[in-house]
Protein backbone atom coordinates (compact mmCIF):
# COMPACT_ATOMS: atom_id res chain seq x y z
CA MET A 1 -0.03 -0.13 -0.50
CA ILE A 2 3.31 2.34 0.53
CA GLY A 3 3.53 4.78 -2.54
CA HIS A 4 -0.42 4.18 -3.78
CA THR A 5 -2.94 6.54 -3.66
CA VAL A 6 -5.81 4.75 -1.54
CA GLY A 7 -8.03 7.92 -1.11
CA ASP A 8 -9.74 8.96 2.27
CA LEU A 9 -10.74 5.87 4.16
CA ASP A 10 -12.78 6.24 7.17
CA LEU A 11 -12.15 3.20 8.61
CA LEU A 12 -9.68 0.34 7.87
CA SER A 13 -10.25 -3.04 9.57
CA ILE A 14 -7.54 -5.81 9.51
CA VAL A 15 -9.06 -8.83 10.06
CA SER A 16 -7.07 -12.40 11.31
CA PRO A 17 -8.13 -15.50 12.91
CA VAL A 18 -5.85 -16.64 15.80
CA TYR A 19 -5.30 -20.18 17.07
CA ASN A 20 -2.61 -21.08 19.18
CA GLU A 21 -0.37 -18.18 18.72
CA GLU A 22 0.89 -17.24 21.92
CA ARG A 23 3.95 -17.20 20.96
CA HIS A 24 3.65 -14.73 17.68
CA ILE A 25 0.72 -12.60 18.51
CA ASP A 26 2.34 -10.06 19.95
CA GLU A 27 4.66 -9.39 17.26
CA PHE A 28 1.93 -9.61 14.84
CA ILE A 29 0.11 -6.98 16.71
CA ASP A 30 2.83 -4.80 16.36
CA ARG A 31 3.53 -5.04 12.86
CA CYS A 32 -0.11 -4.36 12.20
CA LEU A 33 -0.32 -1.51 13.85
CA ALA A 34 2.87 -0.03 12.60
CA VAL A 35 1.67 -0.62 8.98
CA ALA A 36 -2.08 1.11 9.87
CA ARG A 37 -0.41 4.10 11.08
CA ARG A 38 1.34 4.74 8.05
CA CYS A 39 -2.30 4.20 5.68
CA PRO A 40 -4.18 7.42 4.86
CA VAL A 41 -7.44 6.52 7.12
CA GLY A 42 -9.24 8.02 9.62
CA GLN A 43 -9.31 5.34 12.19
CA PHE A 44 -8.41 1.89 11.96
CA GLU A 45 -8.72 -1.48 14.10
CA ILE A 46 -7.07 -5.11 14.58
CA VAL A 47 -9.68 -7.93 14.74
CA LEU A 48 -8.63 -11.30 15.94
CA VAL A 49 -10.93 -13.95 15.94
CA ASP A 50 -9.74 -16.66 18.29
CA ASP A 51 -11.15 -19.77 17.39
CA GLY A 52 -10.50 -21.79 20.46
CA SER A 53 -6.85 -21.42 21.20
CA GLN A 54 -5.32 -23.89 23.70
CA ASP A 55 -2.48 -21.96 24.60
CA ARG A 56 -2.59 -18.35 26.14
CA SER A 57 -3.31 -16.09 22.94
CA ARG A 58 -6.18 -14.53 24.65
CA ASP A 59 -4.55 -13.44 27.79
CA ARG A 60 -1.68 -11.97 25.13
CA ILE A 61 -4.21 -9.94 23.42
CA LEU A 62 -6.03 -8.73 26.04
CA SER A 63 -2.63 -7.60 27.53
CA LYS A 64 -1.76 -5.95 24.35
CA ALA A 65 -5.66 -4.66 24.32
CA ALA A 66 -5.24 -3.09 27.68
CA ASP A 67 -2.60 -0.51 26.08
CA HIS A 68 -4.99 0.85 23.88
CA PRO A 69 -8.42 2.27 26.03
CA ASP A 70 -10.73 2.36 22.97
CA SER A 71 -10.44 -1.61 22.42
CA SER A 72 -13.17 -3.71 22.85
CA ARG A 73 -13.71 -6.43 25.60
CA PRO A 74 -14.18 -10.26 23.89
CA THR A 75 -17.48 -10.77 22.57
CA THR A 76 -19.56 -13.88 24.22
CA PRO A 77 -18.16 -17.11 22.84
CA VAL A 78 -20.68 -18.90 20.23
CA TYR A 79 -22.05 -21.96 21.43
CA GLN A 80 -24.28 -22.83 18.75
CA VAL A 81 -24.18 -22.45 15.32
CA HIS A 82 -27.47 -23.14 12.64
CA GLY A 83 -29.16 -24.91 16.05
CA ALA A 84 -25.94 -26.93 16.19
CA THR A 85 -24.92 -27.43 19.89
CA LEU A 86 -21.07 -27.04 20.05
CA LEU A 87 -19.00 -28.69 22.73
CA SER A 88 -16.31 -25.76 22.86
CA PRO A 89 -16.70 -22.33 22.15
CA LEU A 90 -16.24 -21.60 18.23
CA THR A 91 -14.90 -17.92 18.48
CA GLN A 92 -13.85 -14.81 20.58
CA ILE A 93 -13.70 -11.76 18.81
CA PHE A 94 -10.99 -8.69 20.01
CA LYS A 95 -11.20 -5.63 18.59
CA ILE A 96 -7.98 -3.37 19.04
CA ARG A 97 -8.46 0.28 18.41
CA PRO A 98 -5.51 2.65 19.19
CA ARG A 99 -6.69 6.19 19.55
CA GLN A 100 -6.05 8.26 16.79
CA SER A 101 -3.49 11.25 17.30
CA SER A 102 -4.68 14.32 16.34
CA ALA A 103 -1.04 15.60 14.66
């Protein structure tokens, strides 16, 4: 995207699935933040969809989100899809929304 004219975007959403990414999620979030801050957008968010990670991915995401007060709390896990009951939650969605600087 660097060097290309994108226009005036109101919101850029970076969406990614997460499954057992405890070792890599901090770096991934930091890289997304760095790229998004260079884009000509009004606001941006990182939407992480955790599909039942068994490691500490969720804890790492919550820790990174705590650095950004405008971030949302995770959604309620999904236990039913099209009437079928699942044994474990399907996804939790986290949104990291950094405050935009006015400069």
